Amino acid sequence: MNLTGLTIDAARSAVSERKTTALALAEAFYAKIESDDPKVGAYLILSRERALEKATEIDRLADKGEGLRKSLPHEEALANAPDADEEFFRVPKVIER
């Protein structure tokens, strides 16, 4: 199973159904970040220890059979998002040649 290619719903289902663990997902994503980020430079700060602690907590819940929360429906998730007008995504020009 390609853990880093799963959607959030597929990842949640895989953990709930014990096809994988949250810890394995976190470790897979950190391995991907370590291999890809030197080329991209997308991350300024990572909280690996905190992420692994949270993953362990999620695995404990899944082991007890406690359901993991479902993701919000798309429309509900976007309800409080800022409007995306042309100004919202404009990146200022900081280097002039």
Protein backbone atom coordinates (compact mmCIF):
# COMPACT_ATOMS: atom_id res chain seq x y z
CA MET A 1 0.00 0.00 0.00
CA ASN A 2 1.37 3.40 -0.99
CA LEU A 3 0.74 5.24 2.28
CA THR A 4 1.74 8.67 0.99
CA GLY A 5 -0.69 8.37 -1.93
CA LEU A 6 -3.81 7.84 0.17
CA THR A 7 -6.52 10.45 0.48
CA ILE A 8 -7.30 11.55 4.02
CA ASP A 9 -10.51 9.47 4.00
CA ALA A 10 -8.66 6.40 2.71
CA ALA A 11 -5.95 6.87 5.36
CA ARG A 12 -8.55 7.20 8.12
CA SER A 13 -10.33 4.07 6.89
CA ALA A 14 -7.07 2.11 6.64
CA VAL A 15 -6.18 3.01 10.24
CA SER A 16 -9.72 2.29 11.51
CA GLU A 17 -9.75 -1.08 9.75
CA ARG A 18 -6.18 -1.76 11.02
CA LYS A 19 -4.81 -2.19 7.49
CA THR A 20 -2.05 0.17 8.61
CA THR A 21 -1.24 2.30 11.61
CA ALA A 22 -1.21 6.04 12.11
CA LEU A 23 2.42 5.66 13.19
CA ALA A 24 3.29 3.97 9.88
CA LEU A 25 1.54 6.79 8.00
CA ALA A 26 3.42 9.47 9.93
CA GLU A 27 6.75 7.71 9.41
CA ALA A 28 6.04 7.30 5.67
CA PHE A 29 5.27 10.99 5.28
CA TYR A 30 8.36 12.03 7.22
CA ALA A 31 10.49 9.73 5.02
CA LYS A 32 8.94 11.38 1.94
CA ILE A 33 9.59 14.85 3.35
CA GLU A 34 13.22 13.93 4.08
CA SER A 35 13.74 12.67 0.54
CA ASP A 36 11.80 15.37 -1.35
CA ASP A 37 12.14 18.56 0.68
CA PRO A 38 15.83 19.23 -0.03
CA LYS A 39 14.77 19.68 -3.69
CA VAL A 40 11.63 21.70 -2.93
CA GLY A 41 12.31 23.57 0.31
CA ALA A 42 8.63 23.61 1.31
CA TYR A 43 9.02 23.08 5.06
CA LEU A 44 10.42 25.62 7.48
CA ILE A 45 9.59 23.75 10.70
CA LEU A 46 8.65 20.13 11.33
CA SER A 47 7.32 18.68 14.58
CA ARG A 48 8.26 15.05 14.10
CA GLU A 49 8.15 14.13 17.79
CA ARG A 50 4.71 15.69 18.24
CA ALA A 51 3.40 14.02 15.07
CA LEU A 52 4.63 10.58 16.18
CA GLU A 53 3.11 11.08 19.66
CA LYS A 54 -0.25 11.99 18.11
CA ALA A 55 -0.04 9.01 15.75
CA THR A 56 0.58 6.70 18.71
CA GLU A 57 -2.46 8.20 20.47
CA ILE A 58 -4.60 7.61 17.36
CA ASP A 59 -3.38 4.01 17.17
CA ARG A 60 -4.41 3.44 20.80
CA LEU A 61 -7.93 4.66 19.98
CA ALA A 62 -8.09 2.42 16.92
CA ASP A 63 -6.83 -0.58 18.94
CA LYS A 64 -9.69 -0.04 21.41
CA GLY A 65 -12.14 0.03 18.51
CA GLU A 66 -13.02 3.64 19.13
CA GLY A 67 -14.05 5.29 15.91
CA LEU A 68 -11.86 7.94 14.37
CA ARG A 69 -13.61 11.15 13.33
CA LYS A 70 -14.64 11.40 9.72
CA SER A 71 -13.44 14.29 7.62
CA LEU A 72 -15.78 17.22 7.17
CA PRO A 73 -17.78 17.25 3.96
CA HIS A 74 -16.11 19.41 1.30
CA GLU A 75 -18.69 22.21 1.43
CA GLU A 76 -18.58 22.38 5.23
CA ALA A 77 -14.78 22.45 5.25
CA LEU A 78 -14.78 25.38 2.82
CA ALA A 79 -17.53 27.31 4.64
CA ASN A 80 -15.04 29.28 6.75
CA ALA A 81 -12.25 29.47 4.19
CA PRO A 82 -11.32 32.94 2.94
CA ASP A 83 -12.65 34.04 -0.41
CA ALA A 84 -10.20 33.26 -3.19
CA ASP A 85 -10.24 36.37 -5.31
CA GLU A 86 -7.34 37.38 -7.53
CA GLU A 87 -5.74 39.41 -4.72
CA PHE A 88 -5.77 36.55 -2.24
CA PHE A 89 -3.18 34.51 -4.13
CA ARG A 90 -1.07 37.36 -5.48
CA VAL A 91 2.55 37.05 -4.43
CA PRO A 92 4.33 40.39 -4.11
CA LYS A 93 7.38 40.91 -6.24
CA VAL A 94 10.25 41.17 -3.76
CA ILE A 95 13.26 41.03 -6.06
CA GLU A 96 13.69 43.48 -8.87
CA ARG A 97 16.42 43.01 -11.47
